[in-house]
Amino acid sequence: MILTKVLKDCVTGINGDDYDVGRVLWLAFGLGFLLFTAYGVWHDVHFDLSSFGINAGAILGGGGAGIGMKSKTEPDA
């Protein structure tokens, strides 16, 4: 129960009801990074962490900029 509340708070805006695309992408890339790394270690497959990290960082940086710009338009909680 506590985990679902924490996860929902991580991916929703200030009011806690509206999901934010940037935050959902952050969560998806973070989980993807962990899963691809674990798969690569477990199955001895080469996974290029630097390429994944650079591309994910660019997308997440854009998402962070979007959240920053959007924060002025969100209602007060």
Foldseek 3Di string as FASTA:
>chain_A
DVVVQVVLVQQADQVSPHGQPLSVLVVVLVVVLVVVVVVCVVVVNDDPSVVSVVVSVVSSVVSVVVCVVCVVVDDHD
